[in-house]
């Protein structure tokens, strides 16, 4: 049964259209949708395929952020399976990009053999913050050169249609990319061209780099999901994906009894003591060790640090 968010059309000229059709979620990818794309690409491997969108404003927004992390890890793996299918199938795949392509969506576009863009096309190779994912490092050097690829992968910045054309990330920018892509696909179908060229282009380590990036991202997602299993009650904050080195019981909502006790900002293992002569653990604090007798501006009394940005650590950080 065809996937409800993937429209498949057979053209009389001998090529096929695959259109992502989930505009309410900006064509975000979940495991079933991406598996359907992969399977349709493999169904008729010799036929040229146009990969596009029913919404001219967006090509694909990448992984669906509303699904659990375990499913997003599956989507990540499926992106590389689909890209490998694109690279190894003998029929040419032409991405028709008229809007935004982000993350996994940008990966699918870049893995395609040709990219025909509209003036509103924008691409961005980026993953969720904090996961240390590699997105596009396996193939962008072949398209744009190592220096430009490092810039795009490390910064995750947007690339508009004009810059993408200048860098070699797209082959053409035109006001009617669907018509132009259709003409190319019809010509390729009539001549039966593409298989030999693609086999040569796939040689030389391209697939090795694809698999290396997939393994890097598998490891990252395994780390995320391992922490999620250790903290089943963790309340996720906006933009917070994982915390390196997190131990059970450290955050509100985590299982009780797993956290460390008696730890304050003043140093490991030391409790706050409000005044001189109070007992701290097994030791008695000396005279003047508390707040009494300290100047009003003393950092130990105000809790503020000296220098720019002083104040309660993290208290005013808008990210939290």
C-alpha atoms as a PDB file:
ATOM      1  CA  UNK A   1       0.000   0.000   0.000  1.00  0.00           C
ATOM      2  CA  UNK A   2       1.429   3.436  -0.924  1.00  0.00           C
ATOM      3  CA  UNK A   3       2.344   5.706   1.961  1.00  0.00           C
ATOM      4  CA  UNK A   4      -0.230   8.504   2.437  1.00  0.00           C
ATOM      5  CA  UNK A   5       2.537  11.126   2.594  1.00  0.00           C
ATOM      6  CA  UNK A   6       4.364   9.972  -0.544  1.00  0.00           C
ATOM      7  CA  UNK A   7       2.840  10.527  -3.981  1.00  0.00           C
ATOM      8  CA  UNK A   8       4.199   8.269  -6.723  1.00  0.00           C
ATOM      9  CA  UNK A   9       3.544   9.151 -10.380  1.00  0.00           C
ATOM     10  CA  UNK A  10       4.581   7.247 -13.508  1.00  0.00           C
ATOM     11  CA  UNK A  11       5.320   9.585 -16.415  1.00  0.00           C
ATOM     12  CA  UNK A  12       4.693   8.441 -20.025  1.00  0.00           C
ATOM     13  CA  UNK A  13       8.228   9.547 -20.930  1.00  0.00           C
ATOM     14  CA  UNK A  14       9.651   6.743 -18.789  1.00  0.00           C
ATOM     15  CA  UNK A  15      10.564   8.431 -15.526  1.00  0.00           C
ATOM     16  CA  UNK A  16       8.905   8.492 -12.118  1.00  0.00           C
ATOM     17  CA  UNK A  17       7.957  11.253  -9.700  1.00  0.00           C
ATOM     18  CA  UNK A  18       8.276  10.788  -5.916  1.00  0.00           C
ATOM     19  CA  UNK A  19       6.725  13.730  -4.068  1.00  0.00           C
ATOM     20  CA  UNK A  20       6.819  14.199  -0.311  1.00  0.00           C
ATOM     21  CA  UNK A  21       3.304  15.223   0.674  1.00  0.00           C
ATOM     22  CA  UNK A  22       3.171  16.172   4.333  1.00  0.00           C
ATOM     23  CA  UNK A  23       2.893  19.960   4.185  1.00  0.00           C
ATOM     24  CA  UNK A  24       1.426  20.378   7.689  1.00  0.00           C
ATOM     25  CA  UNK A  25       4.728  18.999   9.076  1.00  0.00           C
ATOM     26  CA  UNK A  26       6.934  20.532   6.353  1.00  0.00           C
ATOM     27  CA  UNK A  27       7.538  17.027   4.968  1.00  0.00           C
ATOM     28  CA  UNK A  28       9.225  15.952   8.202  1.00  0.00           C
ATOM     29  CA  UNK A  29      10.510  12.392   8.074  1.00  0.00           C
ATOM     30  CA  UNK A  30       9.347   9.557  10.284  1.00  0.00           C
ATOM     31  CA  UNK A  31      10.504   5.935   9.882  1.00  0.00           C
ATOM     32  CA  UNK A  32       7.538   4.798   7.769  1.00  0.00           C
ATOM     33  CA  UNK A  33       7.719   7.697   5.327  1.00  0.00           C
ATOM     34  CA  UNK A  34      11.455   7.415   4.813  1.00  0.00           C
ATOM     35  CA  UNK A  35      11.268   3.633   4.423  1.00  0.00           C
ATOM     36  CA  UNK A  36       8.619   4.195   1.736  1.00  0.00           C
ATOM     37  CA  UNK A  37      10.932   6.601  -0.133  1.00  0.00           C
ATOM     38  CA  UNK A  38      13.796   4.101   0.053  1.00  0.00           C
ATOM     39  CA  UNK A  39      11.615   1.236  -1.165  1.00  0.00           C
ATOM     40  CA  UNK A  40      10.177   3.236  -4.082  1.00  0.00           C
ATOM     41  CA  UNK A  41      13.676   4.224  -5.191  1.00  0.00           C
ATOM     42  CA  UNK A  42      14.668   0.552  -5.171  1.00  0.00           C
ATOM     43  CA  UNK A  43      11.467  -0.685  -6.863  1.00  0.00           C
ATOM     44  CA  UNK A  44      12.472   0.278 -10.424  1.00  0.00           C
ATOM     45  CA  UNK A  45      16.219   0.844 -10.129  1.00  0.00           C
ATOM     46  CA  UNK A  46      16.839   1.599 -13.783  1.00  0.00           C
ATOM     47  CA  UNK A  47      14.201   4.313 -14.196  1.00  0.00           C
ATOM     48  CA  UNK A  48      15.083   7.992 -13.706  1.00  0.00           C
ATOM     49  CA  UNK A  49      13.364   9.458 -10.638  1.00  0.00           C
ATOM     50  CA  UNK A  50      12.441  13.025  -9.774  1.00  0.00           C
ATOM     51  CA  UNK A  51      12.385  13.558  -6.004  1.00  0.00           C
ATOM     52  CA  UNK A  52      10.414  16.607  -4.926  1.00  0.00           C
ATOM     53  CA  UNK A  53       7.592  18.001  -2.827  1.00  0.00           C
ATOM     54  CA  UNK A  54       3.945  18.851  -3.229  1.00  0.00           C
ATOM     55  CA  UNK A  55       4.639  22.094  -1.327  1.00  0.00           C
ATOM     56  CA  UNK A  56       6.803  24.584  -3.248  1.00  0.00           C
ATOM     57  CA  UNK A  57       7.825  26.266   0.009  1.00  0.00           C
ATOM     58  CA  UNK A  58       9.614  23.253   1.448  1.00  0.00           C
ATOM     59  CA  UNK A  59      11.527  20.267   0.149  1.00  0.00           C
ATOM     60  CA  UNK A  60      11.989  18.489   3.481  1.00  0.00           C
ATOM     61  CA  UNK A  61      12.489  19.730   7.044  1.00  0.00           C
ATOM     62  CA  UNK A  62      14.471  16.651   8.121  1.00  0.00           C
ATOM     63  CA  UNK A  63      13.538  14.306  10.940  1.00  0.00           C
ATOM     64  CA  UNK A  64      10.178  14.776  12.658  1.00  0.00           C
ATOM     65  CA  UNK A  65      10.961  16.426  16.010  1.00  0.00           C
ATOM     66  CA  UNK A  66       7.698  15.210  17.565  1.00  0.00           C
ATOM     67  CA  UNK A  67       8.634  11.518  17.515  1.00  0.00           C
ATOM     68  CA  UNK A  68      10.649   9.832  20.306  1.00  0.00           C
ATOM     69  CA  UNK A  69      14.442   9.837  20.188  1.00  0.00           C
ATOM     70  CA  UNK A  70      14.435   6.094  19.546  1.00  0.00           C
ATOM     71  CA  UNK A  71      12.481   6.680  16.338  1.00  0.00           C
ATOM     72  CA  UNK A  72      14.648   9.630  15.358  1.00  0.00           C
ATOM     73  CA  UNK A  73      17.644   7.294  15.616  1.00  0.00           C
ATOM     74  CA  UNK A  74      15.849   4.983  13.168  1.00  0.00           C
ATOM     75  CA  UNK A  75      15.217   7.927  10.827  1.00  0.00           C
ATOM     76  CA  UNK A  76      18.927   8.776  10.931  1.00  0.00           C
ATOM     77  CA  UNK A  77      19.823   5.244   9.899  1.00  0.00           C
ATOM     78  CA  UNK A  78      17.179   5.235   7.163  1.00  0.00           C
ATOM     79  CA  UNK A  79      18.543   8.480   5.732  1.00  0.00           C
ATOM     80  CA  UNK A  80      21.852   6.730   5.052  1.00  0.00           C
ATOM     81  CA  UNK A  81      20.126   3.643   3.668  1.00  0.00           C
ATOM     82  CA  UNK A  82      18.146   5.864   1.306  1.00  0.00           C
ATOM     83  CA  UNK A  83      21.225   7.852   0.281  1.00  0.00           C
ATOM     84  CA  UNK A  84      23.083   4.614  -0.437  1.00  0.00           C
ATOM     85  CA  UNK A  85      20.179   3.457  -2.589  1.00  0.00           C
ATOM     86  CA  UNK A  86      20.299   6.761  -4.497  1.00  0.00           C
ATOM     87  CA  UNK A  87      24.046   6.465  -5.084  1.00  0.00           C
ATOM     88  CA  UNK A  88      24.059   2.790  -6.118  1.00  0.00           C
ATOM     89  CA  UNK A  89      20.892   2.463  -8.223  1.00  0.00           C
ATOM     90  CA  UNK A  90      21.682   2.707 -11.972  1.00  0.00           C
ATOM     91  CA  UNK A  91      18.811   5.092 -12.708  1.00  0.00           C
ATOM     92  CA  UNK A  92      19.502   8.786 -12.183  1.00  0.00           C
ATOM     93  CA  UNK A  93      17.812  10.591  -9.261  1.00  0.00           C
ATOM     94  CA  UNK A  94      17.116  14.295  -9.746  1.00  0.00           C
ATOM     95  CA  UNK A  95      16.172  16.354  -6.685  1.00  0.00           C
ATOM     96  CA  UNK A  96      13.784  19.209  -7.456  1.00  0.00           C
ATOM     97  CA  UNK A  97      14.335  21.735  -4.657  1.00  0.00           C
ATOM     98  CA  UNK A  98      12.037  24.748  -4.602  1.00  0.00           C
ATOM     99  CA  UNK A  99      12.046  25.499  -0.864  1.00  0.00           C
ATOM    100  CA  UNK A 100      13.861  24.640   2.334  1.00  0.00           C
ATOM    101  CA  UNK A 101      15.874  21.427   2.697  1.00  0.00           C
ATOM    102  CA  UNK A 102      17.244  20.824   6.193  1.00  0.00           C
ATOM    103  CA  UNK A 103      19.187  18.039   7.889  1.00  0.00           C
ATOM    104  CA  UNK A 104      18.065  14.705   6.473  1.00  0.00           C
ATOM    105  CA  UNK A 105      16.196  16.539   3.731  1.00  0.00           C
ATOM    106  CA  UNK A 106      19.387  18.301   2.664  1.00  0.00           C
ATOM    107  CA  UNK A 107      21.154  14.934   2.755  1.00  0.00           C
ATOM    108  CA  UNK A 108      18.638  13.409   0.335  1.00  0.00           C
ATOM    109  CA  UNK A 109      18.997  16.370  -2.012  1.00  0.00           C
ATOM    110  CA  UNK A 110      22.792  16.315  -1.926  1.00  0.00           C
ATOM    111  CA  UNK A 111      22.938  12.541  -2.463  1.00  0.00           C
ATOM    112  CA  UNK A 112      20.844  12.876  -5.625  1.00  0.00           C
ATOM    113  CA  UNK A 113      22.717  12.752  -8.908  1.00  0.00           C
ATOM    114  CA  UNK A 114      21.437  16.150 -10.055  1.00  0.00           C
ATOM    115  CA  UNK A 115      19.801  19.017  -8.177  1.00  0.00           C
ATOM    116  CA  UNK A 116      17.566  21.456 -10.030  1.00  0.00           C
ATOM    117  CA  UNK A 117      16.612  24.359  -7.795  1.00  0.00           C
ATOM    118  CA  UNK A 118      14.116  27.176  -7.835  1.00  0.00           C
ATOM    119  CA  UNK A 119      14.998  30.732  -6.756  1.00  0.00           C
ATOM    120  CA  UNK A 120      13.505  30.063  -3.303  1.00  0.00           C
ATOM    121  CA  UNK A 121      15.596  26.997  -2.567  1.00  0.00           C
ATOM    122  CA  UNK A 122      17.548  27.000   0.706  1.00  0.00           C
ATOM    123  CA  UNK A 123      19.693  24.224   2.130  1.00  0.00           C
ATOM    124  CA  UNK A 124      21.109  23.589   5.566  1.00  0.00           C
ATOM    125  CA  UNK A 125      23.130  20.591   6.760  1.00  0.00           C
ATOM    126  CA  UNK A 126      22.524  20.536  10.510  1.00  0.00           C
ATOM    127  CA  UNK A 127      21.314  18.172  13.213  1.00  0.00           C
ATOM    128  CA  UNK A 128      19.762  18.667  16.671  1.00  0.00           C
ATOM    129  CA  UNK A 129      21.953  20.759  18.996  1.00  0.00           C
ATOM    130  CA  UNK A 130      24.213  18.969  21.443  1.00  0.00           C
ATOM    131  CA  UNK A 131      24.333  15.561  19.779  1.00  0.00           C
ATOM    132  CA  UNK A 132      27.623  16.017  17.912  1.00  0.00           C
ATOM    133  CA  UNK A 133      26.115  14.569  14.742  1.00  0.00           C
ATOM    134  CA  UNK A 134      27.908  14.677  11.403  1.00  0.00           C
ATOM    135  CA  UNK A 135      25.492  15.839   8.700  1.00  0.00           C
ATOM    136  CA  UNK A 136      26.733  15.894   5.118  1.00  0.00           C
ATOM    137  CA  UNK A 137      30.447  15.466   5.840  1.00  0.00           C
ATOM    138  CA  UNK A 138      30.507  12.306   3.734  1.00  0.00           C
ATOM    139  CA  UNK A 139      29.586  13.949   0.400  1.00  0.00           C
ATOM    140  CA  UNK A 140      29.751  17.753   0.560  1.00  0.00           C
ATOM    141  CA  UNK A 141      33.519  17.787  -0.135  1.00  0.00           C
ATOM    142  CA  UNK A 142      32.808  16.086  -3.481  1.00  0.00           C
ATOM    143  CA  UNK A 143      30.302  18.800  -4.396  1.00  0.00           C
ATOM    144  CA  UNK A 144      31.815  21.981  -2.994  1.00  0.00           C
ATOM    145  CA  UNK A 145      35.399  21.170  -1.990  1.00  0.00           C
ATOM    146  CA  UNK A 146      36.770  20.508   1.475  1.00  0.00           C
ATOM    147  CA  UNK A 147      36.983  24.125   2.622  1.00  0.00           C
ATOM    148  CA  UNK A 148      33.403  25.039   1.733  1.00  0.00           C
ATOM    149  CA  UNK A 149      32.166  21.689   3.066  1.00  0.00           C
ATOM    150  CA  UNK A 150      33.833  22.281   6.438  1.00  0.00           C
ATOM    151  CA  UNK A 151      32.186  25.694   6.635  1.00  0.00           C
ATOM    152  CA  UNK A 152      28.723  24.297   5.895  1.00  0.00           C
ATOM    153  CA  UNK A 153      28.980  21.260   8.170  1.00  0.00           C
ATOM    154  CA  UNK A 154      30.575  23.009  11.151  1.00  0.00           C
ATOM    155  CA  UNK A 155      28.372  26.122  11.106  1.00  0.00           C
ATOM    156  CA  UNK A 156      25.133  24.545   9.880  1.00  0.00           C
ATOM    157  CA  UNK A 157      24.315  27.832   8.176  1.00  0.00           C
ATOM    158  CA  UNK A 158      21.719  28.395   5.464  1.00  0.00           C
ATOM    159  CA  UNK A 159      22.779  28.402   1.821  1.00  0.00           C
ATOM    160  CA  UNK A 160      20.455  30.163  -0.614  1.00  0.00           C
ATOM    161  CA  UNK A 161      19.949  29.186  -4.245  1.00  0.00           C
ATOM    162  CA  UNK A 162      22.462  31.646  -5.688  1.00  0.00           C
ATOM    163  CA  UNK A 163      25.260  30.596  -3.332  1.00  0.00           C
ATOM    164  CA  UNK A 164      24.384  26.926  -3.762  1.00  0.00           C
ATOM    165  CA  UNK A 165      24.823  27.313  -7.521  1.00  0.00           C
ATOM    166  CA  UNK A 166      28.136  29.125  -7.078  1.00  0.00           C
ATOM    167  CA  UNK A 167      29.436  26.400  -4.744  1.00  0.00           C
ATOM    168  CA  UNK A 168      28.283  23.545  -6.955  1.00  0.00           C
ATOM    169  CA  UNK A 169      25.666  22.302  -4.492  1.00  0.00           C
ATOM    170  CA  UNK A 170      22.959  22.583  -7.170  1.00  0.00           C
ATOM    171  CA  UNK A 171      23.337  22.151 -10.930  1.00  0.00           C
ATOM    172  CA  UNK A 172      20.853  24.754 -12.120  1.00  0.00           C
ATOM    173  CA  UNK A 173      18.611  27.478 -10.729  1.00  0.00           C
ATOM    174  CA  UNK A 174      15.533  28.144 -12.809  1.00  0.00           C
ATOM    175  CA  UNK A 175      12.067  29.632 -12.449  1.00  0.00           C
ATOM    176  CA  UNK A 176      10.492  26.318 -13.494  1.00  0.00           C
ATOM    177  CA  UNK A 177      12.634  23.552 -11.974  1.00  0.00           C
ATOM    178  CA  UNK A 178      10.003  20.837 -12.402  1.00  0.00           C
ATOM    179  CA  UNK A 179       9.827  21.372 -16.168  1.00  0.00           C
ATOM    180  CA  UNK A 180      13.611  21.468 -16.544  1.00  0.00           C
ATOM    181  CA  UNK A 181      14.069  18.363 -14.400  1.00  0.00           C
ATOM    182  CA  UNK A 182      11.360  16.564 -16.375  1.00  0.00           C
ATOM    183  CA  UNK A 183      13.101  17.336 -19.663  1.00  0.00           C
ATOM    184  CA  UNK A 184      16.395  15.962 -18.359  1.00  0.00           C
ATOM    185  CA  UNK A 185      14.717  12.827 -16.985  1.00  0.00           C
ATOM    186  CA  UNK A 186      12.859  12.185 -20.267  1.00  0.00           C
ATOM    187  CA  UNK A 187      16.088  12.507 -22.242  1.00  0.00           C
ATOM    188  CA  UNK A 188      17.927  10.130 -19.883  1.00  0.00           C
ATOM    189  CA  UNK A 189      15.085   7.600 -20.062  1.00  0.00           C
ATOM    190  CA  UNK A 190      15.095   7.717 -23.865  1.00  0.00           C
ATOM    191  CA  UNK A 191      18.865   7.201 -24.084  1.00  0.00           C
ATOM    192  CA  UNK A 192      19.106   4.702 -21.213  1.00  0.00           C
ATOM    193  CA  UNK A 193      21.954   6.738 -19.790  1.00  0.00           C
ATOM    194  CA  UNK A 194      23.311   6.879 -16.268  1.00  0.00           C
ATOM    195  CA  UNK A 195      24.176   3.378 -15.062  1.00  0.00           C
ATOM    196  CA  UNK A 196      27.813   3.242 -16.180  1.00  0.00           C
ATOM    197  CA  UNK A 197      28.511   6.825 -15.146  1.00  0.00           C
ATOM    198  CA  UNK A 198      27.041   6.298 -11.689  1.00  0.00           C
ATOM    199  CA  UNK A 199      29.081   3.150 -11.065  1.00  0.00           C
ATOM    200  CA  UNK A 200      32.279   5.085 -11.722  1.00  0.00           C
ATOM    201  CA  UNK A 201      31.151   8.074  -9.646  1.00  0.00           C
ATOM    202  CA  UNK A 202      30.387   5.828  -6.651  1.00  0.00           C
ATOM    203  CA  UNK A 203      33.951   4.459  -6.636  1.00  0.00           C
ATOM    204  CA  UNK A 204      36.808   6.011  -4.709  1.00  0.00           C
ATOM    205  CA  UNK A 205      35.572   5.942  -1.125  1.00  0.00           C
ATOM    206  CA  UNK A 206      32.233   7.759  -1.308  1.00  0.00           C
ATOM    207  CA  UNK A 207      30.282   4.866   0.181  1.00  0.00           C
ATOM    208  CA  UNK A 208      32.988   4.274   2.791  1.00  0.00           C
ATOM    209  CA  UNK A 209      32.536   7.862   3.982  1.00  0.00           C
ATOM    210  CA  UNK A 210      28.746   7.440   3.998  1.00  0.00           C
ATOM    211  CA  UNK A 211      29.071   4.382   6.248  1.00  0.00           C
ATOM    212  CA  UNK A 212      31.592   6.130   8.474  1.00  0.00           C
ATOM    213  CA  UNK A 213      29.206   9.063   9.032  1.00  0.00           C
ATOM    214  CA  UNK A 214      26.354   6.652   9.700  1.00  0.00           C
ATOM    215  CA  UNK A 215      28.418   4.913  12.405  1.00  0.00           C
ATOM    216  CA  UNK A 216      29.344   8.236  14.037  1.00  0.00           C
ATOM    217  CA  UNK A 217      25.676   9.162  14.235  1.00  0.00           C
ATOM    218  CA  UNK A 218      24.613   5.706  15.402  1.00  0.00           C
ATOM    219  CA  UNK A 219      26.998   6.100  18.330  1.00  0.00           C
ATOM    220  CA  UNK A 220      25.619   9.555  19.126  1.00  0.00           C
ATOM    221  CA  UNK A 221      22.010   8.353  19.088  1.00  0.00           C
ATOM    222  CA  UNK A 222      22.906   5.290  21.180  1.00  0.00           C
ATOM    223  CA  UNK A 223      24.356   7.626  23.805  1.00  0.00           C
ATOM    224  CA  UNK A 224      21.190   9.751  23.801  1.00  0.00           C
ATOM    225  CA  UNK A 225      18.890   6.777  24.160  1.00  0.00           C
ATOM    226  CA  UNK A 226      21.058   5.168  26.845  1.00  0.00           C
ATOM    227  CA  UNK A 227      20.734   8.316  28.967  1.00  0.00           C
ATOM    228  CA  UNK A 228      16.991   8.384  28.331  1.00  0.00           C
ATOM    229  CA  UNK A 229      16.741   4.834  29.677  1.00  0.00           C
ATOM    230  CA  UNK A 230      18.700   5.800  32.795  1.00  0.00           C
ATOM    231  CA  UNK A 231      16.424   8.786  33.375  1.00  0.00           C
ATOM    232  CA  UNK A 232      12.928   7.612  32.431  1.00  0.00           C
ATOM    233  CA  UNK A 233      11.325  10.521  34.279  1.00  0.00           C
ATOM    234  CA  UNK A 234      13.539  13.268  32.826  1.00  0.00           C
ATOM    235  CA  UNK A 235      11.606  16.383  31.867  1.00  0.00           C
ATOM    236  CA  UNK A 236      13.028  17.674  28.578  1.00  0.00           C
ATOM    237  CA  UNK A 237      13.734  21.385  28.321  1.00  0.00           C
ATOM    238  CA  UNK A 238      13.310  23.232  25.008  1.00  0.00           C
ATOM    239  CA  UNK A 239      16.437  22.736  22.919  1.00  0.00           C
ATOM    240  CA  UNK A 240      17.942  20.286  25.438  1.00  0.00           C
ATOM    241  CA  UNK A 241      18.724  16.954  23.799  1.00  0.00           C
ATOM    242  CA  UNK A 242      21.163  15.296  26.190  1.00  0.00           C
ATOM    243  CA  UNK A 243      23.542  16.048  29.002  1.00  0.00           C
ATOM    244  CA  UNK A 244      26.993  14.439  28.850  1.00  0.00           C
ATOM    245  CA  UNK A 245      27.967  12.582  32.008  1.00  0.00           C
ATOM    246  CA  UNK A 246      24.519  12.859  33.534  1.00  0.00           C
ATOM    247  CA  UNK A 247      23.917  10.464  36.417  1.00  0.00           C
ATOM    248  CA  UNK A 248      20.554   9.130  37.657  1.00  0.00           C
ATOM    249  CA  UNK A 249      18.754  11.348  40.120  1.00  0.00           C
ATOM    250  CA  UNK A 250      20.409  14.638  39.192  1.00  0.00           C
ATOM    251  CA  UNK A 251      17.366  16.287  37.643  1.00  0.00           C
ATOM    252  CA  UNK A 252      13.828  16.831  38.844  1.00  0.00           C
ATOM    253  CA  UNK A 253      11.616  14.097  37.579  1.00  0.00           C
ATOM    254  CA  UNK A 254      14.344  11.454  37.693  1.00  0.00           C
ATOM    255  CA  UNK A 255      13.989   8.407  39.983  1.00  0.00           C
ATOM    256  CA  UNK A 256      14.514   9.340  43.614  1.00  0.00           C
ATOM    257  CA  UNK A 257      17.509   8.114  45.570  1.00  0.00           C
ATOM    258  CA  UNK A 258      20.005   8.131  42.732  1.00  0.00           C
ATOM    259  CA  UNK A 259      21.480  11.595  43.188  1.00  0.00           C
ATOM    260  CA  UNK A 260      24.459  12.846  45.163  1.00  0.00           C
ATOM    261  CA  UNK A 261      23.754  14.536  48.457  1.00  0.00           C
ATOM    262  CA  UNK A 262      25.433  17.381  50.238  1.00  0.00           C
ATOM    263  CA  UNK A 263      26.904  18.962  47.098  1.00  0.00           C
ATOM    264  CA  UNK A 264      26.732  22.742  46.696  1.00  0.00           C
ATOM    265  CA  UNK A 265      28.396  25.233  44.400  1.00  0.00           C
ATOM    266  CA  UNK A 266      31.037  26.012  47.023  1.00  0.00           C
ATOM    267  CA  UNK A 267      32.868  22.744  46.405  1.00  0.00           C
ATOM    268  CA  UNK A 268      32.413  18.997  46.496  1.00  0.00           C
ATOM    269  CA  UNK A 269      31.278  17.484  49.769  1.00  0.00           C
ATOM    270  CA  UNK A 270      30.785  20.794  51.629  1.00  0.00           C
ATOM    271  CA  UNK A 271      27.488  21.948  53.013  1.00  0.00           C
ATOM    272  CA  UNK A 272      26.403  25.546  53.271  1.00  0.00           C
ATOM    273  CA  UNK A 273      26.986  26.949  56.773  1.00  0.00           C
ATOM    274  CA  UNK A 274      25.036  30.095  57.658  1.00  0.00           C
ATOM    275  CA  UNK A 275      27.085  31.311  60.584  1.00  0.00           C
ATOM    276  CA  UNK A 276      30.174  30.973  62.741  1.00  0.00           C
ATOM    277  CA  UNK A 277      30.318  28.056  65.133  1.00  0.00           C
ATOM    278  CA  UNK A 278      27.780  25.897  63.246  1.00  0.00           C
ATOM    279  CA  UNK A 279      28.680  22.244  62.850  1.00  0.00           C
ATOM    280  CA  UNK A 280      29.512  21.148  59.292  1.00  0.00           C
ATOM    281  CA  UNK A 281      29.664  17.382  58.923  1.00  0.00           C
ATOM    282  CA  UNK A 282      32.037  16.301  61.716  1.00  0.00           C
ATOM    283  CA  UNK A 283      33.956  19.568  61.838  1.00  0.00           C
ATOM    284  CA  UNK A 284      33.062  22.767  63.593  1.00  0.00           C
ATOM    285  CA  UNK A 285      33.388  25.841  61.435  1.00  0.00           C
ATOM    286  CA  UNK A 286      35.821  28.393  62.726  1.00  0.00           C
ATOM    287  CA  UNK A 287      34.971  31.932  63.736  1.00  0.00           C
ATOM    288  CA  UNK A 288      34.120  34.091  60.785  1.00  0.00           C
ATOM    289  CA  UNK A 289      33.553  31.145  58.411  1.00  0.00           C
ATOM    290  CA  UNK A 290      29.888  32.050  57.931  1.00  0.00           C
ATOM    291  CA  UNK A 291      28.247  35.167  56.507  1.00  0.00           C
ATOM    292  CA  UNK A 292      28.441  37.057  59.777  1.00  0.00           C
ATOM    293  CA  UNK A 293      31.051  39.747  59.741  1.00  0.00           C
ATOM    294  CA  UNK A 294      31.498  39.682  55.993  1.00  0.00           C
ATOM    295  CA  UNK A 295      31.113  42.912  53.983  1.00  0.00           C
ATOM    296  CA  UNK A 296      27.829  43.317  52.106  1.00  0.00           C
ATOM    297  CA  UNK A 297      29.690  43.065  48.801  1.00  0.00           C
ATOM    298  CA  UNK A 298      31.584  39.882  49.684  1.00  0.00           C
ATOM    299  CA  UNK A 299      31.015  37.261  46.928  1.00  0.00           C
ATOM    300  CA  UNK A 300      30.442  34.546  49.538  1.00  0.00           C
ATOM    301  CA  UNK A 301      27.580  36.600  50.939  1.00  0.00           C
ATOM    302  CA  UNK A 302      26.009  37.850  47.717  1.00  0.00           C
ATOM    303  CA  UNK A 303      26.571  34.730  45.663  1.00  0.00           C
ATOM    304  CA  UNK A 304      27.844  36.939  42.854  1.00  0.00           C
ATOM    305  CA  UNK A 305      31.044  36.497  40.939  1.00  0.00           C
ATOM    306  CA  UNK A 306      33.380  39.310  40.072  1.00  0.00           C
ATOM    307  CA  UNK A 307      33.911  40.456  36.519  1.00  0.00           C
ATOM    308  CA  UNK A 308      31.601  40.614  33.507  1.00  0.00           C
ATOM    309  CA  UNK A 309      28.644  38.275  33.604  1.00  0.00           C
ATOM    310  CA  UNK A 310      28.774  37.969  37.401  1.00  0.00           C
ATOM    311  CA  UNK A 311      25.722  36.728  39.193  1.00  0.00           C
ATOM    312  CA  UNK A 312      24.133  33.461  40.155  1.00  0.00           C
ATOM    313  CA  UNK A 313      25.530  30.954  37.709  1.00  0.00           C
ATOM    314  CA  UNK A 314      22.980  30.142  35.030  1.00  0.00           C
ATOM    315  CA  UNK A 315      20.155  32.000  36.747  1.00  0.00           C
ATOM    316  CA  UNK A 316      19.781  34.599  34.019  1.00  0.00           C
ATOM    317  CA  UNK A 317      20.718  32.377  31.100  1.00  0.00           C
ATOM    318  CA  UNK A 318      17.752  32.564  28.704  1.00  0.00           C
ATOM    319  CA  UNK A 319      18.651  29.140  27.268  1.00  0.00           C
ATOM    320  CA  UNK A 320      17.503  27.532  30.483  1.00  0.00           C
END
